[in-house]
Amino acid sequence: MTEPNHSTDDAPTIHSLDPAALGTDDDPLALGSRSPVGTYALVFDAPEATVEVGALGEHRFPAGAYVYVGSAFGTGGLRRVRRHRRVAAGDHDARHWHVDYLGGHPAVDLARVVCLTDRDVECAVATELASSLGSAPIDGFGSSDCSCDAHLARGDSVETVTPLVEAAFRSKM
């Protein structure tokens, strides 16, 4: 499902996508060819697991839905999301970011990708989700380049978390 919020093609747009569509002919972001810049959220479905998270060390993740919020304003833009999908699918082994350790765990499933093109709202969305979900499970996760507590939040299920993620992005339009 793609959810346009403005009438012009150049306006910021929220996309809520099945990760399997990324880089295919059905990808509204066309991540296989060109790529807009923007802010994204990766929604993971995870059983209880213990994961080594790079410099943050080993952490226990209770079962639930985890939302990581990031941004992609470099030359590759939102193609970074496709790379995260490849790590989550086991097709790419390099771990560069905290989220790669969670997403690359074999029992964790990348269930949804939500993004907002052309807006840098990473910290605002991460803060709103931590507040609405009442959970930032690991201090410093994904926030080593800002003053936020974390850019990871936890909820009960993908089905309950995804609408909250979409609403957080809509509120930043």
N, C-alpha and C. Protein backbone atom coordinates (compact mmCIF):
# COMPACT_ATOMS: atom_id res chain seq x y z
N MET A 1 0.84 -1.16 0.00
CA MET A 1 0.00 0.00 0.00
C MET A 1 0.89 1.23 0.00
N THR A 2 0.61 2.14 -0.89
CA THR A 2 1.28 3.43 -0.91
C THR A 2 0.24 4.46 -0.56
N GLU A 3 0.61 5.37 0.28
CA GLU A 3 -0.34 6.34 0.78
C GLU A 3 0.12 7.75 0.45
N PRO A 4 -0.25 8.30 -0.74
CA PRO A 4 0.16 9.66 -1.04
C PRO A 4 -0.61 10.64 -0.18
N ASN A 5 0.06 11.66 0.30
CA ASN A 5 -0.58 12.65 1.14
C ASN A 5 -0.62 14.02 0.50
N HIS A 6 -0.08 14.16 -0.70
CA HIS A 6 -0.11 15.42 -1.42
C HIS A 6 -0.42 15.12 -2.87
N SER A 7 -0.85 16.14 -3.61
CA SER A 7 -1.27 15.92 -4.98
C SER A 7 -0.15 16.02 -6.01
N THR A 8 1.00 16.57 -5.69
CA THR A 8 2.07 16.71 -6.67
C THR A 8 3.06 15.56 -6.56
N ASP A 9 3.68 15.22 -7.70
CA ASP A 9 4.63 14.11 -7.72
C ASP A 9 5.89 14.40 -6.90
N ASP A 10 6.26 15.68 -6.75
CA ASP A 10 7.48 16.03 -6.04
C ASP A 10 7.27 16.21 -4.55
N ALA A 11 6.04 16.10 -4.09
CA ALA A 11 5.75 16.31 -2.68
C ALA A 11 6.20 15.12 -1.85
N PRO A 12 6.53 15.35 -0.58
CA PRO A 12 6.85 14.23 0.30
C PRO A 12 5.69 13.24 0.34
N THR A 13 6.00 11.97 0.35
CA THR A 13 4.99 10.92 0.31
C THR A 13 5.34 9.85 1.33
N ILE A 14 4.31 9.33 1.99
CA ILE A 14 4.50 8.19 2.89
C ILE A 14 4.24 6.91 2.10
N HIS A 15 5.13 5.95 2.26
CA HIS A 15 4.96 4.63 1.65
C HIS A 15 5.00 3.60 2.77
N SER A 16 4.07 2.65 2.73
CA SER A 16 4.08 1.52 3.66
C SER A 16 4.15 0.28 2.80
N LEU A 17 5.28 -0.42 2.85
CA LEU A 17 5.59 -1.45 1.86
C LEU A 17 5.89 -2.81 2.45
N ASP A 18 5.54 -3.82 1.67
CA ASP A 18 6.01 -5.18 1.93
C ASP A 18 7.49 -5.19 1.52
N PRO A 19 8.39 -5.58 2.40
CA PRO A 19 9.82 -5.57 2.04
C PRO A 19 10.15 -6.36 0.78
N ALA A 20 9.36 -7.38 0.46
CA ALA A 20 9.63 -8.19 -0.73
C ALA A 20 9.48 -7.37 -2.01
N ALA A 21 8.74 -6.26 -1.97
CA ALA A 21 8.53 -5.43 -3.16
C ALA A 21 9.71 -4.51 -3.46
N LEU A 22 10.60 -4.33 -2.50
CA LEU A 22 11.71 -3.39 -2.69
C LEU A 22 12.63 -3.84 -3.83
N GLY A 23 12.87 -2.94 -4.77
CA GLY A 23 13.76 -3.23 -5.88
C GLY A 23 13.13 -4.03 -7.00
N THR A 24 11.81 -4.28 -6.93
CA THR A 24 11.10 -5.00 -7.99
C THR A 24 10.35 -4.00 -8.87
N ASP A 25 9.68 -4.50 -9.91
CA ASP A 25 8.86 -3.64 -10.76
C ASP A 25 7.69 -3.04 -10.00
N ASP A 26 7.29 -3.65 -8.88
CA ASP A 26 6.17 -3.16 -8.08
C ASP A 26 6.60 -2.18 -6.99
N ASP A 27 7.86 -1.82 -6.97
CA ASP A 27 8.40 -0.92 -5.94
C ASP A 27 8.10 0.53 -6.31
N PRO A 28 7.20 1.21 -5.57
CA PRO A 28 6.88 2.60 -5.90
C PRO A 28 8.05 3.56 -5.69
N LEU A 29 9.05 3.14 -4.93
CA LEU A 29 10.23 3.98 -4.72
C LEU A 29 11.28 3.77 -5.80
N ALA A 30 11.10 2.73 -6.62
CA ALA A 30 12.04 2.40 -7.69
C ALA A 30 13.47 2.31 -7.16
N LEU A 31 13.65 1.59 -6.07
CA LEU A 31 14.96 1.52 -5.43
C LEU A 31 15.99 0.78 -6.27
N GLY A 32 15.55 0.09 -7.31
CA GLY A 32 16.49 -0.59 -8.17
C GLY A 32 17.16 0.34 -9.17
N SER A 33 16.61 1.54 -9.38
CA SER A 33 17.17 2.43 -10.38
C SER A 33 17.56 3.78 -9.78
N ARG A 34 16.62 4.52 -9.34
CA ARG A 34 16.89 5.82 -8.72
C ARG A 34 16.36 5.74 -7.30
N SER A 35 16.67 6.72 -6.52
CA SER A 35 16.19 6.63 -5.15
C SER A 35 16.01 8.00 -4.55
N PRO A 36 14.81 8.27 -4.02
CA PRO A 36 14.63 9.52 -3.30
C PRO A 36 15.34 9.44 -1.95
N VAL A 37 15.49 10.57 -1.31
CA VAL A 37 16.01 10.61 0.06
C VAL A 37 14.83 10.62 1.01
N GLY A 38 15.08 10.35 2.28
CA GLY A 38 13.99 10.41 3.24
C GLY A 38 14.31 9.70 4.55
N THR A 39 13.25 9.53 5.32
CA THR A 39 13.32 8.86 6.62
C THR A 39 12.54 7.56 6.51
N TYR A 40 13.02 6.51 7.17
CA TYR A 40 12.37 5.21 7.06
C TYR A 40 12.25 4.54 8.42
N ALA A 41 11.31 3.61 8.49
CA ALA A 41 11.17 2.75 9.67
C ALA A 41 11.13 1.31 9.18
N LEU A 42 11.86 0.46 9.86
CA LEU A 42 11.85 -0.98 9.59
C LEU A 42 11.10 -1.64 10.73
N VAL A 43 10.07 -2.40 10.40
CA VAL A 43 9.26 -3.08 11.41
C VAL A 43 9.62 -4.56 11.37
N PHE A 44 10.14 -5.05 12.48
CA PHE A 44 10.59 -6.44 12.58
C PHE A 44 9.66 -7.23 13.49
N ASP A 45 9.45 -8.49 13.15
CA ASP A 45 8.75 -9.44 14.01
C ASP A 45 9.82 -10.36 14.58
N ALA A 46 9.90 -10.40 15.91
CA ALA A 46 11.00 -11.15 16.53
C ALA A 46 10.50 -12.06 17.64
N PRO A 47 10.99 -13.30 17.66
CA PRO A 47 10.77 -14.14 18.83
C PRO A 47 11.74 -13.68 19.91
N GLU A 48 11.63 -14.22 21.10
CA GLU A 48 12.64 -13.89 22.11
C GLU A 48 14.00 -14.35 21.58
N ALA A 49 14.98 -13.45 21.67
CA ALA A 49 16.31 -13.78 21.15
C ALA A 49 17.36 -12.97 21.90
N THR A 50 18.56 -13.51 21.93
CA THR A 50 19.72 -12.78 22.43
C THR A 50 20.58 -12.46 21.22
N VAL A 51 20.92 -11.17 21.07
CA VAL A 51 21.62 -10.71 19.88
C VAL A 51 22.83 -9.89 20.30
N GLU A 52 23.96 -10.16 19.68
CA GLU A 52 25.17 -9.35 19.85
C GLU A 52 25.01 -8.13 18.94
N VAL A 53 24.94 -6.93 19.52
CA VAL A 53 24.67 -5.70 18.76
C VAL A 53 25.95 -4.86 18.68
N GLY A 54 26.92 -5.34 17.95
CA GLY A 54 28.15 -4.58 17.75
C GLY A 54 28.74 -4.07 19.04
N ALA A 55 29.10 -2.78 19.06
CA ALA A 55 29.72 -2.15 20.23
C ALA A 55 28.79 -2.06 21.42
N LEU A 56 27.48 -2.22 21.21
CA LEU A 56 26.53 -2.18 22.33
C LEU A 56 26.51 -3.48 23.12
N GLY A 57 27.14 -4.53 22.57
CA GLY A 57 27.23 -5.80 23.28
C GLY A 57 26.01 -6.69 23.10
N GLU A 58 25.97 -7.72 23.93
CA GLU A 58 24.90 -8.72 23.86
C GLU A 58 23.65 -8.20 24.58
N HIS A 59 22.49 -8.36 23.92
CA HIS A 59 21.22 -7.91 24.52
C HIS A 59 20.14 -8.95 24.29
N ARG A 60 19.28 -9.07 25.29
CA ARG A 60 18.11 -9.95 25.19
C ARG A 60 16.96 -9.14 24.63
N PHE A 61 16.32 -9.66 23.60
CA PHE A 61 15.16 -9.03 22.99
C PHE A 61 13.94 -9.89 23.29
N PRO A 62 13.02 -9.40 24.14
CA PRO A 62 11.78 -10.15 24.36
C PRO A 62 11.00 -10.25 23.04
N ALA A 63 10.17 -11.26 22.91
CA ALA A 63 9.37 -11.43 21.70
C ALA A 63 8.50 -10.20 21.49
N GLY A 64 8.30 -9.83 20.22
CA GLY A 64 7.44 -8.70 19.90
C GLY A 64 7.81 -8.08 18.57
N ALA A 65 7.25 -6.90 18.33
CA ALA A 65 7.55 -6.14 17.12
C ALA A 65 8.53 -5.03 17.48
N TYR A 66 9.57 -4.89 16.69
CA TYR A 66 10.58 -3.86 16.92
C TYR A 66 10.57 -2.90 15.73
N VAL A 67 10.64 -1.62 16.05
CA VAL A 67 10.66 -0.59 15.01
C VAL A 67 11.97 0.18 15.12
N TYR A 68 12.72 0.16 14.04
CA TYR A 68 13.94 0.95 13.95
C TYR A 68 13.67 2.12 13.01
N VAL A 69 14.05 3.33 13.40
CA VAL A 69 13.87 4.52 12.57
C VAL A 69 15.24 5.03 12.15
N GLY A 70 15.39 5.25 10.85
CA GLY A 70 16.64 5.76 10.30
C GLY A 70 16.38 6.78 9.21
N SER A 71 17.44 7.34 8.68
CA SER A 71 17.29 8.29 7.58
C SER A 71 18.33 7.99 6.52
N ALA A 72 18.03 8.44 5.30
CA ALA A 72 18.91 8.17 4.17
C ALA A 72 18.95 9.42 3.29
N PHE A 73 19.92 10.27 3.57
CA PHE A 73 20.05 11.52 2.82
C PHE A 73 21.36 11.60 2.05
N GLY A 74 22.10 10.51 2.00
CA GLY A 74 23.34 10.47 1.21
C GLY A 74 23.04 10.22 -0.25
N THR A 75 24.09 9.96 -1.02
CA THR A 75 23.93 9.80 -2.47
C THR A 75 23.05 8.61 -2.85
N GLY A 76 23.02 7.56 -2.04
CA GLY A 76 22.18 6.40 -2.35
C GLY A 76 20.74 6.56 -1.92
N GLY A 77 20.46 7.57 -1.11
CA GLY A 77 19.10 7.81 -0.65
C GLY A 77 18.49 6.58 0.01
N LEU A 78 17.22 6.37 -0.26
CA LEU A 78 16.49 5.27 0.38
C LEU A 78 16.86 3.89 -0.14
N ARG A 79 17.83 3.80 -1.07
CA ARG A 79 18.35 2.47 -1.44
C ARG A 79 18.94 1.77 -0.23
N ARG A 80 19.30 2.54 0.78
CA ARG A 80 19.81 1.95 2.03
C ARG A 80 18.80 0.94 2.59
N VAL A 81 17.52 1.20 2.41
CA VAL A 81 16.47 0.30 2.91
C VAL A 81 16.58 -1.05 2.22
N ARG A 82 16.88 -1.03 0.94
CA ARG A 82 17.03 -2.29 0.20
C ARG A 82 18.21 -3.09 0.76
N ARG A 83 19.27 -2.41 1.14
CA ARG A 83 20.41 -3.09 1.76
C ARG A 83 20.00 -3.74 3.07
N HIS A 84 19.23 -3.00 3.91
CA HIS A 84 18.75 -3.57 5.17
C HIS A 84 17.89 -4.82 4.89
N ARG A 85 17.08 -4.78 3.83
CA ARG A 85 16.25 -5.94 3.49
C ARG A 85 17.14 -7.12 3.12
N ARG A 86 18.20 -6.87 2.39
CA ARG A 86 19.12 -7.95 2.00
C ARG A 86 19.80 -8.56 3.22
N VAL A 87 20.18 -7.74 4.20
CA VAL A 87 20.76 -8.25 5.45
C VAL A 87 19.72 -9.11 6.17
N ALA A 88 18.48 -8.62 6.26
CA ALA A 88 17.42 -9.35 6.95
C ALA A 88 17.10 -10.67 6.26
N ALA A 89 17.24 -10.71 4.94
CA ALA A 89 16.96 -11.93 4.19
C ALA A 89 18.14 -12.90 4.21
N GLY A 90 19.26 -12.49 4.78
CA GLY A 90 20.44 -13.35 4.81
C GLY A 90 21.25 -13.29 3.53
N ASP A 91 20.96 -12.32 2.65
CA ASP A 91 21.66 -12.19 1.38
C ASP A 91 22.88 -11.29 1.44
N HIS A 92 23.11 -10.68 2.60
CA HIS A 92 24.24 -9.75 2.76
C HIS A 92 24.72 -9.87 4.20
N ASP A 93 26.00 -10.15 4.38
CA ASP A 93 26.52 -10.44 5.72
C ASP A 93 27.13 -9.25 6.45
N ALA A 94 27.48 -8.19 5.75
CA ALA A 94 28.17 -7.06 6.40
C ALA A 94 27.24 -6.37 7.39
N ARG A 95 27.78 -6.10 8.57
CA ARG A 95 27.03 -5.41 9.63
C ARG A 95 27.67 -4.04 9.84
N HIS A 96 26.99 -2.98 9.40
CA HIS A 96 27.51 -1.62 9.55
C HIS A 96 26.80 -0.85 10.66
N TRP A 97 25.50 -1.10 10.84
CA TRP A 97 24.69 -0.33 11.78
C TRP A 97 24.09 -1.27 12.82
N HIS A 98 23.69 -0.72 13.95
CA HIS A 98 23.07 -1.53 15.01
C HIS A 98 21.92 -2.36 14.46
N VAL A 99 21.09 -1.76 13.60
CA VAL A 99 19.92 -2.47 13.08
C VAL A 99 20.32 -3.70 12.27
N ASP A 100 21.51 -3.71 11.69
CA ASP A 100 21.95 -4.89 10.93
C ASP A 100 22.07 -6.12 11.83
N TYR A 101 22.44 -5.92 13.08
CA TYR A 101 22.59 -7.04 14.00
C TYR A 101 21.24 -7.63 14.37
N LEU A 102 20.25 -6.77 14.61
CA LEU A 102 18.90 -7.26 14.90
C LEU A 102 18.28 -7.86 13.64
N GLY A 103 18.27 -7.10 12.55
CA GLY A 103 17.65 -7.57 11.32
C GLY A 103 18.33 -8.79 10.73
N GLY A 104 19.62 -8.94 10.96
CA GLY A 104 20.35 -10.08 10.43
C GLY A 104 20.25 -11.35 11.26
N HIS A 105 19.60 -11.26 12.42
CA HIS A 105 19.42 -12.46 13.25
C HIS A 105 18.50 -13.43 12.49
N PRO A 106 18.85 -14.71 12.41
CA PRO A 106 18.08 -15.65 11.58
C PRO A 106 16.62 -15.83 11.99
N ALA A 107 16.28 -15.57 13.24
CA ALA A 107 14.89 -15.76 13.68
C ALA A 107 14.04 -14.50 13.55
N VAL A 108 14.66 -13.38 13.18
CA VAL A 108 13.95 -12.10 13.08
C VAL A 108 13.49 -11.88 11.65
N ASP A 109 12.24 -11.42 11.49
CA ASP A 109 11.65 -11.21 10.17
C ASP A 109 11.38 -9.73 9.94
N LEU A 110 11.87 -9.18 8.84
CA LEU A 110 11.53 -7.82 8.44
C LEU A 110 10.13 -7.87 7.84
N ALA A 111 9.15 -7.31 8.55
CA ALA A 111 7.75 -7.46 8.17
C ALA A 111 7.19 -6.28 7.37
N ARG A 112 7.73 -5.09 7.59
CA ARG A 112 7.17 -3.89 6.95
C ARG A 112 8.24 -2.81 6.87
N VAL A 113 8.14 -1.99 5.83
CA VAL A 113 8.98 -0.81 5.67
C VAL A 113 8.06 0.37 5.47
N VAL A 114 8.23 1.40 6.29
CA VAL A 114 7.45 2.63 6.14
C VAL A 114 8.45 3.76 5.94
N CYS A 115 8.21 4.61 4.95
CA CYS A 115 9.13 5.72 4.74
C CYS A 115 8.40 6.97 4.29
N LEU A 116 9.05 8.08 4.52
CA LEU A 116 8.57 9.39 4.12
C LEU A 116 9.67 10.01 3.28
N THR A 117 9.36 10.29 2.02
CA THR A 117 10.37 10.85 1.13
C THR A 117 10.58 12.34 1.42
N ASP A 118 11.80 12.77 1.20
CA ASP A 118 12.18 14.19 1.22
C ASP A 118 12.02 14.91 2.55
N ARG A 119 11.91 14.18 3.65
CA ARG A 119 11.82 14.83 4.96
C ARG A 119 12.77 14.15 5.93
N ASP A 120 13.48 14.95 6.71
CA ASP A 120 14.37 14.43 7.75
C ASP A 120 13.65 14.54 9.09
N VAL A 121 12.92 13.48 9.42
CA VAL A 121 12.13 13.45 10.66
C VAL A 121 12.53 12.27 11.53
N GLU A 122 13.74 11.77 11.34
CA GLU A 122 14.22 10.57 12.04
C GLU A 122 14.07 10.68 13.55
N CYS A 123 14.63 11.70 14.14
CA CYS A 123 14.59 11.84 15.61
C CYS A 123 13.17 12.08 16.11
N ALA A 124 12.40 12.89 15.39
CA ALA A 124 11.03 13.19 15.81
C ALA A 124 10.16 11.93 15.79
N VAL A 125 10.29 11.11 14.74
CA VAL A 125 9.50 9.87 14.66
C VAL A 125 9.97 8.87 15.71
N ALA A 126 11.28 8.72 15.89
CA ALA A 126 11.80 7.79 16.89
C ALA A 126 11.32 8.17 18.29
N THR A 127 11.34 9.45 18.60
CA THR A 127 10.89 9.93 19.91
C THR A 127 9.40 9.69 20.09
N GLU A 128 8.60 9.98 19.05
CA GLU A 128 7.16 9.75 19.14
C GLU A 128 6.84 8.27 19.34
N LEU A 129 7.52 7.40 18.61
CA LEU A 129 7.26 5.96 18.75
C LEU A 129 7.68 5.44 20.12
N ALA A 130 8.81 5.89 20.63
CA ALA A 130 9.23 5.47 21.98
C ALA A 130 8.20 5.90 23.01
N SER A 131 7.63 7.08 22.81
CA SER A 131 6.61 7.58 23.73
C SER A 131 5.30 6.82 23.59
N SER A 132 4.83 6.62 22.36
CA SER A 132 3.54 5.95 22.17
C SER A 132 3.60 4.46 22.50
N LEU A 133 4.75 3.83 22.26
CA LEU A 133 4.89 2.41 22.57
C LEU A 133 5.39 2.19 23.99
N GLY A 134 5.91 3.24 24.60
CA GLY A 134 6.38 3.14 25.99
C GLY A 134 7.61 2.28 26.15
N SER A 135 8.41 2.18 25.09
CA SER A 135 9.54 1.27 25.18
C SER A 135 10.67 1.69 24.27
N ALA A 136 11.85 1.87 24.82
CA ALA A 136 13.09 2.00 24.06
C ALA A 136 14.02 0.96 24.67
N PRO A 137 14.02 -0.26 24.11
CA PRO A 137 14.64 -1.40 24.79
C PRO A 137 16.15 -1.35 25.01
N ILE A 138 16.89 -0.62 24.17
CA ILE A 138 18.35 -0.59 24.32
C ILE A 138 18.82 0.84 24.16
N ASP A 139 19.34 1.42 25.24
CA ASP A 139 19.87 2.78 25.17
C ASP A 139 20.96 2.86 24.12
N GLY A 140 20.89 3.87 23.28
CA GLY A 140 21.91 4.10 22.27
C GLY A 140 21.72 3.36 20.97
N PHE A 141 20.72 2.48 20.88
CA PHE A 141 20.51 1.69 19.67
C PHE A 141 20.10 2.62 18.53
N GLY A 142 20.96 2.71 17.52
CA GLY A 142 20.66 3.50 16.34
C GLY A 142 20.77 5.00 16.51
N SER A 143 21.23 5.44 17.67
CA SER A 143 21.26 6.89 17.92
C SER A 143 22.65 7.39 18.29
N SER A 144 23.67 6.77 17.75
CA SER A 144 25.03 7.18 18.09
C SER A 144 25.41 8.52 17.48
N ASP A 145 24.63 9.00 16.51
CA ASP A 145 24.95 10.28 15.87
C ASP A 145 23.99 11.40 16.26
N CYS A 146 23.23 11.22 17.35
CA CYS A 146 22.30 12.26 17.81
C CYS A 146 22.15 12.15 19.33
N SER A 147 21.31 12.98 19.90
CA SER A 147 21.14 12.97 21.36
C SER A 147 19.92 12.17 21.82
N CYS A 148 19.26 11.46 20.92
CA CYS A 148 18.10 10.63 21.30
C CYS A 148 18.55 9.46 22.17
N ASP A 149 17.64 8.97 23.01
CA ASP A 149 17.95 7.79 23.82
C ASP A 149 18.19 6.58 22.93
N ALA A 150 17.33 6.40 21.92
CA ALA A 150 17.44 5.27 21.00
C ALA A 150 16.55 5.53 19.79
N HIS A 151 16.82 4.80 18.71
CA HIS A 151 15.95 4.85 17.53
C HIS A 151 15.30 3.48 17.33
N LEU A 152 15.11 2.76 18.41
CA LEU A 152 14.45 1.45 18.39
C LEU A 152 13.37 1.46 19.45
N ALA A 153 12.18 1.01 19.06
CA ALA A 153 11.07 0.89 20.01
C ALA A 153 10.48 -0.50 19.87
N ARG A 154 9.79 -0.96 20.90
CA ARG A 154 9.20 -2.30 20.91
C ARG A 154 7.72 -2.21 21.20
N GLY A 155 6.94 -3.03 20.47
CA GLY A 155 5.51 -3.16 20.70
C GLY A 155 5.13 -4.62 20.72
N ASP A 156 3.84 -4.87 20.92
CA ASP A 156 3.37 -6.25 21.05
C ASP A 156 3.40 -7.04 19.75
N SER A 157 2.93 -6.43 18.65
CA SER A 157 2.84 -7.18 17.39
C SER A 157 2.99 -6.24 16.20
N VAL A 158 3.35 -6.80 15.07
CA VAL A 158 3.48 -6.03 13.84
C VAL A 158 2.14 -5.38 13.50
N GLU A 159 1.05 -6.11 13.73
CA GLU A 159 -0.29 -5.60 13.39
C GLU A 159 -0.67 -4.37 14.21
N THR A 160 -0.24 -4.30 15.46
CA THR A 160 -0.57 -3.13 16.28
C THR A 160 0.46 -2.00 16.12
N VAL A 161 1.68 -2.35 15.82
CA VAL A 161 2.74 -1.34 15.71
C VAL A 161 2.70 -0.60 14.37
N THR A 162 2.44 -1.30 13.28
CA THR A 162 2.51 -0.67 11.96
C THR A 162 1.61 0.56 11.83
N PRO A 163 0.34 0.52 12.27
CA PRO A 163 -0.48 1.74 12.17
C PRO A 163 0.08 2.90 13.00
N LEU A 164 0.72 2.60 14.12
CA LEU A 164 1.34 3.66 14.93
C LEU A 164 2.53 4.29 14.20
N VAL A 165 3.29 3.46 13.50
CA VAL A 165 4.42 3.96 12.72
C VAL A 165 3.91 4.86 11.60
N GLU A 166 2.89 4.40 10.87
CA GLU A 166 2.33 5.20 9.78
C GLU A 166 1.79 6.52 10.31
N ALA A 167 1.11 6.49 11.46
CA ALA A 167 0.56 7.72 12.06
C ALA A 167 1.68 8.68 12.49
N ALA A 168 2.77 8.13 13.02
CA ALA A 168 3.90 8.98 13.43
C ALA A 168 4.48 9.72 12.22
N PHE A 169 4.60 9.03 11.10
CA PHE A 169 5.10 9.68 9.89
C PHE A 169 4.10 10.72 9.38
N ARG A 170 2.81 10.37 9.37
CA ARG A 170 1.79 11.33 8.91
C ARG A 170 1.83 12.61 9.75
N SER A 171 2.06 12.47 11.04
CA SER A 171 2.06 13.64 11.92
C SER A 171 3.25 14.58 11.65
N LYS A 172 4.23 14.10 10.91
CA LYS A 172 5.42 14.91 10.62
C LYS A 172 5.39 15.52 9.22
N MET A 173 4.29 15.34 8.50
CA MET A 173 4.17 15.88 7.13
C MET A 173 4.00 17.39 7.17
